[in-house]
Amino acid sequence: MIQEKGFTVADFSDKEYEKYFLKDIMHIGWKGWVYVNQSLVQFHEK
């Protein structure tokens, strides 16, 4: 639905099973936050 409205989405579904990406089933772990931060920097640099 978000993409249908024209918004950009960061999709990390390929990282789901990467060690330390998730802290538990629904919370981002320390490694996940690295990916989120990198994605935000790239988005704001555009």
PDB file of N, CA and C in Angstrom:
ATOM      1  N   MET A   1       0.823  -1.196   0.000  1.00  0.00           N
ATOM      2  CA  MET A   1       0.000   0.000   0.000  1.00  0.00           C
ATOM      3  C   MET A   1       0.865   1.257   0.000  1.00  0.00           C
ATOM      4  N   ILE A   2       1.967   1.209   0.723  1.00  0.00           N
ATOM      5  CA  ILE A   2       2.838   2.377   0.791  1.00  0.00           C
ATOM      6  C   ILE A   2       3.432   2.685  -0.578  1.00  0.00           C
ATOM      7  N   GLN A   3       3.909   1.653  -1.259  1.00  0.00           N
ATOM      8  CA  GLN A   3       4.495   1.852  -2.584  1.00  0.00           C
ATOM      9  C   GLN A   3       3.448   2.332  -3.589  1.00  0.00           C
ATOM     10  N   GLU A   4       2.211   1.867  -3.447  1.00  0.00           N
ATOM     11  CA  GLU A   4       1.140   2.306  -4.337  1.00  0.00           C
ATOM     12  C   GLU A   4       0.900   3.806  -4.223  1.00  0.00           C
ATOM     13  N   LYS A   5       1.183   4.372  -3.060  1.00  0.00           N
ATOM     14  CA  LYS A   5       1.015   5.812  -2.835  1.00  0.00           C
ATOM     15  C   LYS A   5       2.255   6.605  -3.218  1.00  0.00           C
ATOM     16  N   GLY A   6       3.296   5.920  -3.720  1.00  0.00           N
ATOM     17  CA  GLY A   6       4.473   6.589  -4.225  1.00  0.00           C
ATOM     18  C   GLY A   6       5.600   6.788  -3.231  1.00  0.00           C
ATOM     19  N   PHE A   7       5.521   6.167  -2.072  1.00  0.00           N
ATOM     20  CA  PHE A   7       6.568   6.307  -1.068  1.00  0.00           C
ATOM     21  C   PHE A   7       7.668   5.260  -1.271  1.00  0.00           C
ATOM     22  N   THR A   8       8.869   5.608  -0.847  1.00  0.00           N
ATOM     23  CA  THR A   8      10.001   4.695  -0.916  1.00  0.00           C
ATOM     24  C   THR A   8       9.986   3.780   0.304  1.00  0.00           C
ATOM     25  N   VAL A   9      10.328   2.522   0.084  1.00  0.00           N
ATOM     26  CA  VAL A   9      10.328   1.530   1.167  1.00  0.00           C
ATOM     27  C   VAL A   9      11.707   0.881   1.254  1.00  0.00           C
ATOM     28  N   ALA A  10      12.223   0.763   2.455  1.00  0.00           N
ATOM     29  CA  ALA A  10      13.467   0.022   2.675  1.00  0.00           C
ATOM     30  C   ALA A  10      13.079  -1.412   2.995  1.00  0.00           C
ATOM     31  N   ASP A  11      13.477  -2.333   2.152  1.00  0.00           N
ATOM     32  CA  ASP A  11      13.108  -3.739   2.319  1.00  0.00           C
ATOM     33  C   ASP A  11      14.324  -4.529   2.790  1.00  0.00           C
ATOM     34  N   PHE A  12      14.265  -5.019   4.005  1.00  0.00           N
ATOM     35  CA  PHE A  12      15.349  -5.806   4.579  1.00  0.00           C
ATOM     36  C   PHE A  12      14.964  -7.274   4.741  1.00  0.00           C
ATOM     37  N   SER A  13      13.987  -7.717   3.977  1.00  0.00           N
ATOM     38  CA  SER A  13      13.503  -9.090   4.131  1.00  0.00           C
ATOM     39  C   SER A  13      14.589 -10.123   3.827  1.00  0.00           C
ATOM     40  N   ASP A  14      15.576  -9.755   3.015  1.00  0.00           N
ATOM     41  CA  ASP A  14      16.656 -10.701   2.722  1.00  0.00           C
ATOM     42  C   ASP A  14      17.638 -10.830   3.885  1.00  0.00           C
ATOM     43  N   LYS A  15      17.532  -9.972   4.877  1.00  0.00           N
ATOM     44  CA  LYS A  15      18.421  -9.998   6.048  1.00  0.00           C
ATOM     45  C   LYS A  15      17.780 -10.696   7.252  1.00  0.00           C
ATOM     46  N   GLU A  16      16.560 -11.168   7.089  1.00  0.00           N
ATOM     47  CA  GLU A  16      15.774 -11.715   8.192  1.00  0.00           C
ATOM     48  C   GLU A  16      16.516 -12.769   9.020  1.00  0.00           C
ATOM     49  N   TYR A  17      17.280 -13.609   8.372  1.00  0.00           N
ATOM     50  CA  TYR A  17      17.955 -14.702   9.083  1.00  0.00           C
ATOM     51  C   TYR A  17      19.435 -14.427   9.334  1.00  0.00           C
ATOM     52  N   GLU A  18      19.873 -13.204   9.024  1.00  0.00           N
ATOM     53  CA  GLU A  18      21.259 -12.836   9.282  1.00  0.00           C
ATOM     54  C   GLU A  18      21.451 -12.651  10.793  1.00  0.00           C
ATOM     55  N   LYS A  19      22.516 -13.225  11.299  1.00  0.00           N
ATOM     56  CA  LYS A  19      22.776 -13.189  12.737  1.00  0.00           C
ATOM     57  C   LYS A  19      22.856 -11.742  13.230  1.00  0.00           C
ATOM     58  N   TYR A  20      22.176 -11.454  14.308  1.00  0.00           N
ATOM     59  CA  TYR A  20      22.115 -10.151  14.985  1.00  0.00           C
ATOM     60  C   TYR A  20      21.326  -9.083  14.249  1.00  0.00           C
ATOM     61  N   PHE A  21      20.715  -9.430  13.113  1.00  0.00           N
ATOM     62  CA  PHE A  21      19.878  -8.433  12.447  1.00  0.00           C
ATOM     63  C   PHE A  21      18.641  -8.150  13.286  1.00  0.00           C
ATOM     64  N   LEU A  22      18.041  -9.198  13.793  1.00  0.00           N
ATOM     65  CA  LEU A  22      16.885  -9.046  14.677  1.00  0.00           C
ATOM     66  C   LEU A  22      17.266  -9.416  16.105  1.00  0.00           C
ATOM     67  N   LYS A  23      16.705  -8.669  17.052  1.00  0.00           N
ATOM     68  CA  LYS A  23      16.926  -8.969  18.470  1.00  0.00           C
ATOM     69  C   LYS A  23      15.998 -10.100  18.898  1.00  0.00           C
ATOM     70  N   ASP A  24      14.784 -10.034  18.444  1.00  0.00           N
ATOM     71  CA  ASP A  24      13.796 -11.091  18.642  1.00  0.00           C
ATOM     72  C   ASP A  24      12.891 -11.078  17.422  1.00  0.00           C
ATOM     73  N   ILE A  25      11.749 -11.672  17.505  1.00  0.00           N
ATOM     74  CA  ILE A  25      10.904 -11.836  16.313  1.00  0.00           C
ATOM     75  C   ILE A  25      10.435 -10.522  15.692  1.00  0.00           C
ATOM     76  N   MET A  26      10.436  -9.419  16.448  1.00  0.00           N
ATOM     77  CA  MET A  26       9.926  -8.171  15.877  1.00  0.00           C
ATOM     78  C   MET A  26      10.759  -6.924  16.174  1.00  0.00           C
ATOM     79  N   HIS A  27      11.876  -7.071  16.852  1.00  0.00           N
ATOM     80  CA  HIS A  27      12.704  -5.917  17.176  1.00  0.00           C
ATOM     81  C   HIS A  27      14.055  -5.992  16.467  1.00  0.00           C
ATOM     82  N   ILE A  28      14.455  -4.872  15.906  1.00  0.00           N
ATOM     83  CA  ILE A  28      15.726  -4.810  15.187  1.00  0.00           C
ATOM     84  C   ILE A  28      16.871  -4.903  16.183  1.00  0.00           C
ATOM     85  N   GLY A  29      17.861  -5.715  15.844  1.00  0.00           N
ATOM     86  CA  GLY A  29      19.052  -5.860  16.667  1.00  0.00           C
ATOM     87  C   GLY A  29      20.111  -4.839  16.271  1.00  0.00           C
ATOM     88  N   TRP A  30      21.250  -4.906  16.917  1.00  0.00           N
ATOM     89  CA  TRP A  30      22.305  -3.908  16.669  1.00  0.00           C
ATOM     90  C   TRP A  30      22.753  -3.903  15.210  1.00  0.00           C
ATOM     91  N   LYS A  31      22.847  -5.057  14.597  1.00  0.00           N
ATOM     92  CA  LYS A  31      23.278  -5.119  13.203  1.00  0.00           C
ATOM     93  C   LYS A  31      22.193  -4.597  12.265  1.00  0.00           C
ATOM     94  N   GLY A  32      20.957  -4.822  12.617  1.00  0.00           N
ATOM     95  CA  GLY A  32      19.845  -4.300  11.830  1.00  0.00           C
ATOM     96  C   GLY A  32      19.825  -2.793  11.801  1.00  0.00           C
ATOM     97  N   TRP A  33      20.167  -2.169  12.941  1.00  0.00           N
ATOM     98  CA  TRP A  33      20.188  -0.707  12.993  1.00  0.00           C
ATOM     99  C   TRP A  33      21.285  -0.137  12.102  1.00  0.00           C
ATOM    100  N   VAL A  34      22.356  -0.870  11.896  1.00  0.00           N
ATOM    101  CA  VAL A  34      23.397  -0.409  10.974  1.00  0.00           C
ATOM    102  C   VAL A  34      22.812  -0.301   9.568  1.00  0.00           C
ATOM    103  N   TYR A  35      22.075  -1.316   9.149  1.00  0.00           N
ATOM    104  CA  TYR A  35      21.444  -1.290   7.830  1.00  0.00           C
ATOM    105  C   TYR A  35      20.407  -0.169   7.732  1.00  0.00           C
ATOM    106  N   VAL A  36      19.630   0.022   8.769  1.00  0.00           N
ATOM    107  CA  VAL A  36      18.619   1.082   8.772  1.00  0.00           C
ATOM    108  C   VAL A  36      19.302   2.443   8.647  1.00  0.00           C
ATOM    109  N   ASN A  37      20.337   2.675   9.438  1.00  0.00           N
ATOM    110  CA  ASN A  37      21.044   3.956   9.386  1.00  0.00           C
ATOM    111  C   ASN A  37      21.665   4.202   8.018  1.00  0.00           C
ATOM    112  N   GLN A  38      22.271   3.178   7.429  1.00  0.00           N
ATOM    113  CA  GLN A  38      22.857   3.323   6.094  1.00  0.00           C
ATOM    114  C   GLN A  38      21.776   3.676   5.072  1.00  0.00           C
ATOM    115  N   SER A  39      20.637   3.036   5.179  1.00  0.00           N
ATOM    116  CA  SER A  39      19.534   3.289   4.276  1.00  0.00           C
ATOM    117  C   SER A  39      19.020   4.726   4.419  1.00  0.00           C
ATOM    118  N   LEU A  40      18.934   5.214   5.649  1.00  0.00           N
ATOM    119  CA  LEU A  40      18.486   6.592   5.872  1.00  0.00           C
ATOM    120  C   LEU A  40      19.478   7.608   5.309  1.00  0.00           C
ATOM    121  N   VAL A  41      20.752   7.360   5.489  1.00  0.00           N
ATOM    122  CA  VAL A  41      21.774   8.270   4.945  1.00  0.00           C
ATOM    123  C   VAL A  41      21.676   8.304   3.430  1.00  0.00           C
ATOM    124  N   GLN A  42      21.561   7.150   2.791  1.00  0.00           N
ATOM    125  CA  GLN A  42      21.458   7.090   1.331  1.00  0.00           C
ATOM    126  C   GLN A  42      20.210   7.818   0.846  1.00  0.00           C
ATOM    127  N   PHE A  43      19.106   7.667   1.560  1.00  0.00           N
ATOM    128  CA  PHE A  43      17.852   8.316   1.179  1.00  0.00           C
ATOM    129  C   PHE A  43      17.990   9.840   1.258  1.00  0.00           C
ATOM    130  N   HIS A  44      18.600  10.332   2.328  1.00  0.00           N
ATOM    131  CA  HIS A  44      18.714  11.781   2.512  1.00  0.00           C
ATOM    132  C   HIS A  44      19.776  12.416   1.613  1.00  0.00           C
ATOM    133  N   GLU A  45      20.707  11.622   1.116  1.00  0.00           N
ATOM    134  CA  GLU A  45      21.723  12.150   0.203  1.00  0.00           C
ATOM    135  C   GLU A  45      21.188  12.336  -1.223  1.00  0.00           C
ATOM    136  N   LYS A  46      20.061  11.727  -1.526  1.00  0.00           N
ATOM    137  CA  LYS A  46      19.471  11.849  -2.870  1.00  0.00           C
ATOM    138  C   LYS A  46      18.875  13.231  -3.072  1.00  0.00           C
TER     139      LYS A  46
END
